[in-house]
Amino acid sequence: FTVSRDDAKKTSYLHMNDLKPEDTAVYYCNYITIW
């Protein structure tokens, strides 16, 4: 997994490669106290 970002777009990206069944989940982003 690798994180990247685009500050102008206020966007964070989570790049996930070679995914495994154990990666199955609900994924959340977080900013301090905000979900």
All heavy atoms as atom14 arrays in JSON, in Angstrom:
{
  "sequence": "FTVSRDDAKKTSYLHMNDLKPEDTAVYYCNYITIW",
  "atom14_mask": [
    [1, 1, 1, 1, 1, 1, 1, 1, 1, 1, 1, 0, 0, 0],
    [1, 1, 1, 1, 1, 1, 1, 0, 0, 0, 0, 0, 0, 0],
    [1, 1, 1, 1, 1, 1, 1, 0, 0, 0, 0, 0, 0, 0],
    [1, 1, 1, 1, 1, 1, 0, 0, 0, 0, 0, 0, 0, 0],
    [1, 1, 1, 1, 1, 1, 1, 1, 1, 1, 1, 0, 0, 0],
    [1, 1, 1, 1, 1, 1, 1, 1, 0, 0, 0, 0, 0, 0],
    [1, 1, 1, 1, 1, 1, 1, 1, 0, 0, 0, 0, 0, 0],
    [1, 1, 1, 1, 1, 0, 0, 0, 0, 0, 0, 0, 0, 0],
    [1, 1, 1, 1, 1, 1, 1, 1, 1, 0, 0, 0, 0, 0],
    [1, 1, 1, 1, 1, 1, 1, 1, 1, 0, 0, 0, 0, 0],
    [1, 1, 1, 1, 1, 1, 1, 0, 0, 0, 0, 0, 0, 0],
    [1, 1, 1, 1, 1, 1, 0, 0, 0, 0, 0, 0, 0, 0],
    [1, 1, 1, 1, 1, 1, 1, 1, 1, 1, 1, 1, 0, 0],
    [1, 1, 1, 1, 1, 1, 1, 1, 0, 0, 0, 0, 0, 0],
    [1, 1, 1, 1, 1, 1, 1, 1, 1, 1, 0, 0, 0, 0],
    [1, 1, 1, 1, 1, 1, 1, 1, 0, 0, 0, 0, 0, 0],
    [1, 1, 1, 1, 1, 1, 1, 1, 0, 0, 0, 0, 0, 0],
    [1, 1, 1, 1, 1, 1, 1, 1, 0, 0, 0, 0, 0, 0],
    [1, 1, 1, 1, 1, 1, 1, 1, 0, 0, 0, 0, 0, 0],
    [1, 1, 1, 1, 1, 1, 1, 1, 1, 0, 0, 0, 0, 0],
    [1, 1, 1, 1, 1, 1, 1, 0, 0, 0, 0, 0, 0, 0],
    [1, 1, 1, 1, 1, 1, 1, 1, 1, 0, 0, 0, 0, 0],
    [1, 1, 1, 1, 1, 1, 1, 1, 0, 0, 0, 0, 0, 0],
    [1, 1, 1, 1, 1, 1, 1, 0, 0, 0, 0, 0, 0, 0],
    [1, 1, 1, 1, 1, 0, 0, 0, 0, 0, 0, 0, 0, 0],
    [1, 1, 1, 1, 1, 1, 1, 0, 0, 0, 0, 0, 0, 0],
    [1, 1, 1, 1, 1, 1, 1, 1, 1, 1, 1, 1, 0, 0],
    [1, 1, 1, 1, 1, 1, 1, 1, 1, 1, 1, 1, 0, 0],
    [1, 1, 1, 1, 1, 1, 0, 0, 0, 0, 0, 0, 0, 0],
    [1, 1, 1, 1, 1, 1, 1, 1, 0, 0, 0, 0, 0, 0],
    [1, 1, 1, 1, 1, 1, 1, 1, 1, 1, 1, 1, 0, 0],
    [1, 1, 1, 1, 1, 1, 1, 1, 0, 0, 0, 0, 0, 0],
    [1, 1, 1, 1, 1, 1, 1, 0, 0, 0, 0, 0, 0, 0],
    [1, 1, 1, 1, 1, 1, 1, 1, 0, 0, 0, 0, 0, 0],
    [1, 1, 1, 1, 1, 1, 1, 1, 1, 1, 1, 1, 1, 1]
  ],
  "atom14_positions": [
    [[0.84, -1.2, 0.0], [0.0, 0.0, 0.0], [0.87, 1.24, 0.0], [1.94, 1.27, 0.63], [-0.9, 0.04, 1.24], [-2.0, -0.99, 1.27], [-2.02, -2.06, 0.39], [-3.02, -0.87, 2.21], [-3.04, -3.0, 0.44], [-4.04, -1.8, 2.26], [-4.05, -2.86, 1.38], [0.0, 0.0, 0.0], [0.0, 0.0, 0.0], [0.0, 0.0, 0.0]],
    [[0.41, 2.28, -0.67], [1.12, 3.55, -0.73], [0.13, 4.7, -0.65], [-0.91, 4.66, -1.31], [1.95, 3.68, -2.02], [2.87, 2.59, -2.12], [2.73, 5.0, -2.02], [0.0, 0.0, 0.0], [0.0, 0.0, 0.0], [0.0, 0.0, 0.0], [0.0, 0.0, 0.0], [0.0, 0.0, 0.0], [0.0, 0.0, 0.0], [0.0, 0.0, 0.0]],
    [[0.46, 5.7, 0.15], [-0.36, 6.9, 0.25], [0.25, 8.01, -0.6], [1.46, 8.21, -0.58], [-0.49, 7.37, 1.71], [-1.19, 8.72, 1.79], [-1.24, 6.34, 2.54], [0.0, 0.0, 0.0], [0.0, 0.0, 0.0], [0.0, 0.0, 0.0], [0.0, 0.0, 0.0], [0.0, 0.0, 0.0], [0.0, 0.0, 0.0], [0.0, 0.0, 0.0]],
    [[-0.6, 8.71, -1.33], [-0.19, 9.91, -2.03], [-1.25, 10.98, -1.8], [-2.31, 10.7, -1.22], [0.02, 9.67, -3.53], [-1.21, 9.36, -4.17], [0.0, 0.0, 0.0], [0.0, 0.0, 0.0], [0.0, 0.0, 0.0], [0.0, 0.0, 0.0], [0.0, 0.0, 0.0], [0.0, 0.0, 0.0], [0.0, 0.0, 0.0], [0.0, 0.0, 0.0]],
    [[-0.98, 12.2, -2.24], [-1.94, 13.27, -2.02], [-1.86, 14.32, -3.1], [-0.84, 14.46, -3.78], [-1.73, 13.92, -0.65], [-0.46, 14.75, -0.53], [-0.28, 15.26, 0.89], [0.76, 16.27, 0.97], [2.04, 16.01, 1.13], [2.47, 14.75, 1.23], [2.92, 17.0, 1.2], [0.0, 0.0, 0.0], [0.0, 0.0, 0.0], [0.0, 0.0, 0.0]],
    [[-2.95, 15.06, -3.24], [-3.03, 16.2, -4.13], [-3.58, 17.34, -3.29], [-4.78, 17.4, -3.01], [-3.93, 15.91, -5.32], [-3.92, 17.01, -6.36], [-3.78, 18.19, -5.99], [-4.07, 16.69, -7.55], [0.0, 0.0, 0.0], [0.0, 0.0, 0.0], [0.0, 0.0, 0.0], [0.0, 0.0, 0.0], [0.0, 0.0, 0.0], [0.0, 0.0, 0.0]],
    [[-2.69, 18.23, -2.86], [-3.09, 19.29, -1.94], [-4.11, 20.24, -2.58], [-5.03, 20.7, -1.91], [-1.87, 20.08, -1.49], [-0.94, 19.27, -0.61], [-1.38, 18.26, -0.03], [0.24, 19.65, -0.5], [0.0, 0.0, 0.0], [0.0, 0.0, 0.0], [0.0, 0.0, 0.0], [0.0, 0.0, 0.0], [0.0, 0.0, 0.0], [0.0, 0.0, 0.0]],
    [[-3.93, 20.54, -3.86], [-4.85, 21.45, -4.54], [-6.26, 20.89, -4.59], [-7.24, 21.64, -4.5], [-4.35, 21.76, -5.94], [0.0, 0.0, 0.0], [0.0, 0.0, 0.0], [0.0, 0.0, 0.0], [0.0, 0.0, 0.0], [0.0, 0.0, 0.0], [0.0, 0.0, 0.0], [0.0, 0.0, 0.0], [0.0, 0.0, 0.0], [0.0, 0.0, 0.0]],
    [[-6.38, 19.58, -4.75], [-7.69, 18.93, -4.79], [-8.18, 18.51, -3.41], [-9.28, 17.96, -3.29], [-7.64, 17.71, -5.71], [-7.31, 18.03, -7.16], [-7.32, 16.76, -8.01], [-6.93, 17.07, -9.44], [-7.93, 17.96, -10.09], [0.0, 0.0, 0.0], [0.0, 0.0, 0.0], [0.0, 0.0, 0.0], [0.0, 0.0, 0.0], [0.0, 0.0, 0.0]],
    [[-7.37, 18.75, -2.39], [-7.7, 18.34, -1.01], [-8.04, 16.86, -0.95], [-9.02, 16.45, -0.31], [-8.85, 19.18, -0.46], [-8.57, 20.68, -0.4], [-9.77, 21.44, 0.15], [-9.51, 22.92, 0.19], [-10.7, 23.67, 0.7], [0.0, 0.0, 0.0], [0.0, 0.0, 0.0], [0.0, 0.0, 0.0], [0.0, 0.0, 0.0], [0.0, 0.0, 0.0]],
    [[-7.23, 16.06, -1.61], [-7.52, 14.64, -1.76], [-6.33, 13.79, -1.34], [-5.18, 14.09, -1.7], [-7.91, 14.31, -3.21], [-9.09, 15.05, -3.56], [-8.18, 12.83, -3.37], [0.0, 0.0, 0.0], [0.0, 0.0, 0.0], [0.0, 0.0, 0.0], [0.0, 0.0, 0.0], [0.0, 0.0, 0.0], [0.0, 0.0, 0.0], [0.0, 0.0, 0.0]],
    [[-6.62, 12.75, -0.59], [-5.65, 11.72, -0.25], [-6.0, 10.45, -1.0], [-7.18, 10.12, -1.17], [-5.66, 11.46, 1.26], [-4.83, 10.36, 1.6], [0.0, 0.0, 0.0], [0.0, 0.0, 0.0], [0.0, 0.0, 0.0], [0.0, 0.0, 0.0], [0.0, 0.0, 0.0], [0.0, 0.0, 0.0], [0.0, 0.0, 0.0], [0.0, 0.0, 0.0]],
    [[-4.98, 9.73, -1.45], [-5.16, 8.5, -2.19], [-4.47, 7.36, -1.47], [-3.35, 7.5, -0.98], [-4.57, 8.6, -3.6], [-5.14, 9.72, -4.43], [-4.51, 10.95, -4.47], [-6.3, 9.54, -5.17], [-5.02, 11.99, -5.23], [-6.82, 10.57, -5.94], [-6.18, 11.79, -5.97], [-6.69, 12.81, -6.73], [0.0, 0.0, 0.0], [0.0, 0.0, 0.0]],
    [[-5.14, 6.23, -1.4], [-4.55, 5.01, -0.89], [-4.46, 4.02, -2.04], [-5.47, 3.49, -2.5], [-5.38, 4.43, 0.26], [-4.83, 3.15, 0.9], [-3.5, 3.44, 1.61], [-5.84, 2.56, 1.88], [0.0, 0.0, 0.0], [0.0, 0.0, 0.0], [0.0, 0.0, 0.0], [0.0, 0.0, 0.0], [0.0, 0.0, 0.0], [0.0, 0.0, 0.0]],
    [[-3.24, 3.78, -2.5], [-2.99, 2.85, -3.59], [-2.72, 1.48, -2.99], [-1.79, 1.31, -2.21], [-1.8, 3.3, -4.42], [-1.89, 4.71, -4.9], [-2.56, 5.06, -6.05], [-1.4, 5.87, -4.37], [-2.49, 6.37, -6.21], [-1.79, 6.88, -5.21], [0.0, 0.0, 0.0], [0.0, 0.0, 0.0], [0.0, 0.0, 0.0], [0.0, 0.0, 0.0]],
    [[-3.53, 0.5, -3.36], [-3.45, -0.83, -2.8], [-3.12, -1.82, -3.91], [-3.88, -1.95, -4.87], [-4.77, -1.21, -2.12], [-5.22, -0.2, -1.06], [-6.72, -0.73, -0.19], [-7.9, -0.68, -1.55], [0.0, 0.0, 0.0], [0.0, 0.0, 0.0], [0.0, 0.0, 0.0], [0.0, 0.0, 0.0], [0.0, 0.0, 0.0], [0.0, 0.0, 0.0]],
    [[-2.0, -2.5, -3.75], [-1.54, -3.49, -4.72], [-1.45, -4.87, -4.07], [-1.34, -4.98, -2.84], [-0.18, -3.1, -5.29], [-0.2, -1.78, -6.02], [-1.05, -1.54, -6.88], [0.74, -0.9, -5.68], [0.0, 0.0, 0.0], [0.0, 0.0, 0.0], [0.0, 0.0, 0.0], [0.0, 0.0, 0.0], [0.0, 0.0, 0.0], [0.0, 0.0, 0.0]],
    [[-1.45, -5.89, -4.9], [-1.33, -7.27, -4.42], [-2.3, -7.53, -3.28], [-1.92, -8.02, -2.21], [0.11, -7.55, -3.99], [0.37, -9.02, -3.75], [-0.35, -9.87, -4.31], [1.32, -9.34, -2.99], [0.0, 0.0, 0.0], [0.0, 0.0, 0.0], [0.0, 0.0, 0.0], [0.0, 0.0, 0.0], [0.0, 0.0, 0.0], [0.0, 0.0, 0.0]],
    [[-3.56, -7.22, -3.51], [-4.56, -7.34, -2.46], [-4.78, -8.8, -2.06], [-4.72, -9.7, -2.9], [-5.87, -6.71, -2.91], [-5.87, -5.18, -2.84], [-6.97, -4.61, -3.71], [-6.02, -4.72, -1.4], [0.0, 0.0, 0.0], [0.0, 0.0, 0.0], [0.0, 0.0, 0.0], [0.0, 0.0, 0.0], [0.0, 0.0, 0.0], [0.0, 0.0, 0.0]],
    [[-5.04, -8.99, -0.78], [-5.26, -10.3, -0.21], [-6.63, -10.35, 0.46], [-7.18, -9.31, 0.83], [-4.18, -10.61, 0.83], [-2.76, -10.48, 0.29], [-1.73, -10.72, 1.38], [-0.32, -10.51, 0.87], [0.01, -11.44, -0.24], [0.0, 0.0, 0.0], [0.0, 0.0, 0.0], [0.0, 0.0, 0.0], [0.0, 0.0, 0.0], [0.0, 0.0, 0.0]],
    [[-7.21, -11.53, 0.62], [-8.5, -11.62, 1.3], [-8.51, -10.98, 2.68], [-9.54, -10.44, 3.11], [-8.74, -13.13, 1.39], [-8.01, -13.69, 0.23], [-6.78, -12.84, 0.09], [0.0, 0.0, 0.0], [0.0, 0.0, 0.0], [0.0, 0.0, 0.0], [0.0, 0.0, 0.0], [0.0, 0.0, 0.0], [0.0, 0.0, 0.0], [0.0, 0.0, 0.0]],
    [[-7.38, -11.0, 3.37], [-7.28, -10.38, 4.68], [-7.42, -8.86, 4.63], [-7.61, -8.23, 5.68], [-5.93, -10.72, 5.34], [-5.61, -12.21, 5.36], [-4.82, -12.64, 4.13], [-3.58, -12.54, 4.15], [-5.46, -13.08, 3.15], [0.0, 0.0, 0.0], [0.0, 0.0, 0.0], [0.0, 0.0, 0.0], [0.0, 0.0, 0.0], [0.0, 0.0, 0.0]],
    [[-7.33, -8.27, 3.46], [-7.52, -6.83, 3.3], [-8.99, -6.44, 3.23], [-9.31, -5.25, 3.21], [-6.81, -6.33, 2.05], [-5.3, -6.52, 2.12], [-4.71, -6.27, 3.19], [-4.72, -6.92, 1.09], [0.0, 0.0, 0.0], [0.0, 0.0, 0.0], [0.0, 0.0, 0.0], [0.0, 0.0, 0.0], [0.0, 0.0, 0.0], [0.0, 0.0, 0.0]],
    [[-9.88, -7.41, 3.15], [-11.31, -7.13, 3.08], [-11.76, -6.38, 4.33], [-11.56, -6.85, 5.45], [-12.11, -8.42, 2.92], [-11.79, -9.02, 1.66], [-13.61, -8.14, 2.98], [0.0, 0.0, 0.0], [0.0, 0.0, 0.0], [0.0, 0.0, 0.0], [0.0, 0.0, 0.0], [0.0, 0.0, 0.0], [0.0, 0.0, 0.0], [0.0, 0.0, 0.0]],
    [[-12.36, -5.22, 4.13], [-12.78, -4.37, 5.24], [-13.47, -3.14, 4.69], [-13.45, -2.88, 3.48], [-11.57, -3.95, 6.1], [0.0, 0.0, 0.0], [0.0, 0.0, 0.0], [0.0, 0.0, 0.0], [0.0, 0.0, 0.0], [0.0, 0.0, 0.0], [0.0, 0.0, 0.0], [0.0, 0.0, 0.0], [0.0, 0.0, 0.0], [0.0, 0.0, 0.0]],
    [[-14.07, -2.37, 5.59], [-14.51, -1.03, 5.26], [-13.35, -0.09, 5.54], [-12.79, -0.11, 6.64], [-15.75, -0.61, 6.07], [-16.14, 0.83, 5.74], [-16.91, -1.55, 5.78], [0.0, 0.0, 0.0], [0.0, 0.0, 0.0], [0.0, 0.0, 0.0], [0.0, 0.0, 0.0], [0.0, 0.0, 0.0], [0.0, 0.0, 0.0], [0.0, 0.0, 0.0]],
    [[-13.0, 0.7, 4.56], [-11.88, 1.62, 4.68], [-12.4, 3.03, 4.91], [-13.32, 3.49, 4.24], [-11.01, 1.57, 3.42], [-10.13, 0.35, 3.35], [-10.68, -0.91, 3.11], [-8.75, 0.43, 3.56], [-9.89, -2.04, 3.08], [-7.96, -0.7, 3.53], [-8.53, -1.93, 3.28], [-7.74, -3.05, 3.25], [0.0, 0.0, 0.0], [0.0, 0.0, 0.0]],
    [[-11.79, 3.71, 5.88], [-12.19, 5.05, 6.27], [-11.01, 6.0, 6.16], [-9.88, 5.63, 6.48], [-12.67, 5.08, 7.72], [-13.85, 4.2, 8.04], [-13.67, 2.87, 8.4], [-15.14, 4.71, 8.0], [-14.75, 2.06, 8.71], [-16.23, 3.91, 8.31], [-16.02, 2.59, 8.66], [-17.1, 1.8, 8.98], [0.0, 0.0, 0.0], [0.0, 0.0, 0.0]],
    [[-11.27, 7.22, 5.76], [-10.26, 8.25, 5.91], [-10.59, 9.09, 7.13], [-11.73, 9.15, 7.59], [-10.12, 9.11, 4.65], [-11.55, 10.11, 4.21], [0.0, 0.0, 0.0], [0.0, 0.0, 0.0], [0.0, 0.0, 0.0], [0.0, 0.0, 0.0], [0.0, 0.0, 0.0], [0.0, 0.0, 0.0], [0.0, 0.0, 0.0], [0.0, 0.0, 0.0]],
    [[-9.56, 9.73, 7.66], [-9.67, 10.46, 8.91], [-8.88, 11.74, 8.83], [-7.79, 11.78, 8.25], [-9.15, 9.59, 10.07], [-8.92, 10.39, 11.34], [-7.82, 10.91, 11.56], [-9.93, 10.5, 12.17], [0.0, 0.0, 0.0], [0.0, 0.0, 0.0], [0.0, 0.0, 0.0], [0.0, 0.0, 0.0], [0.0, 0.0, 0.0], [0.0, 0.0, 0.0]],
    [[-9.44, 12.79, 9.41], [-8.73, 14.05, 9.57], [-8.96, 14.54, 10.99], [-10.01, 15.1, 11.31], [-9.22, 15.09, 8.55], [-8.49, 16.41, 8.63], [-7.2, 16.54, 8.12], [-9.07, 17.52, 9.21], [-6.51, 17.74, 8.19], [-8.39, 18.73, 9.28], [-7.12, 18.84, 8.77], [-6.44, 20.03, 8.83], [0.0, 0.0, 0.0], [0.0, 0.0, 0.0]],
    [[-8.01, 14.26, 11.85], [-8.05, 14.63, 13.26], [-9.28, 13.99, 13.91], [-9.26, 12.8, 14.26], [-8.0, 16.15, 13.45], [-6.83, 16.75, 12.65], [-7.82, 16.49, 14.94], [-6.72, 18.25, 12.74], [0.0, 0.0, 0.0], [0.0, 0.0, 0.0], [0.0, 0.0, 0.0], [0.0, 0.0, 0.0], [0.0, 0.0, 0.0], [0.0, 0.0, 0.0]],
    [[-10.37, 14.75, 14.09], [-11.57, 14.22, 14.72], [-12.68, 13.91, 13.72], [-13.77, 13.5, 14.12], [-12.12, 15.19, 15.77], [-12.51, 16.42, 15.14], [-11.08, 15.48, 16.84], [0.0, 0.0, 0.0], [0.0, 0.0, 0.0], [0.0, 0.0, 0.0], [0.0, 0.0, 0.0], [0.0, 0.0, 0.0], [0.0, 0.0, 0.0], [0.0, 0.0, 0.0]],
    [[-12.42, 14.07, 12.44], [-13.42, 13.9, 11.41], [-13.21, 12.58, 10.69], [-12.08, 12.22, 10.33], [-13.39, 15.06, 10.4], [-13.48, 16.41, 11.13], [-14.51, 14.93, 9.38], [-14.74, 16.59, 11.93], [0.0, 0.0, 0.0], [0.0, 0.0, 0.0], [0.0, 0.0, 0.0], [0.0, 0.0, 0.0], [0.0, 0.0, 0.0], [0.0, 0.0, 0.0]],
    [[-14.31, 11.86, 10.45], [-14.27, 10.58, 9.76], [-15.13, 10.62, 8.51], [-16.19, 11.25, 8.48], [-14.78, 9.46, 10.66], [-13.9, 9.18, 11.83], [-13.95, 9.76, 13.06], [-12.82, 8.24, 11.87], [-12.96, 9.23, 13.87], [-12.26, 8.3, 13.16], [-12.28, 7.35, 10.94], [-11.18, 7.51, 13.55], [-11.21, 6.56, 11.32], [-10.67, 6.64, 12.62]]
  ]
}
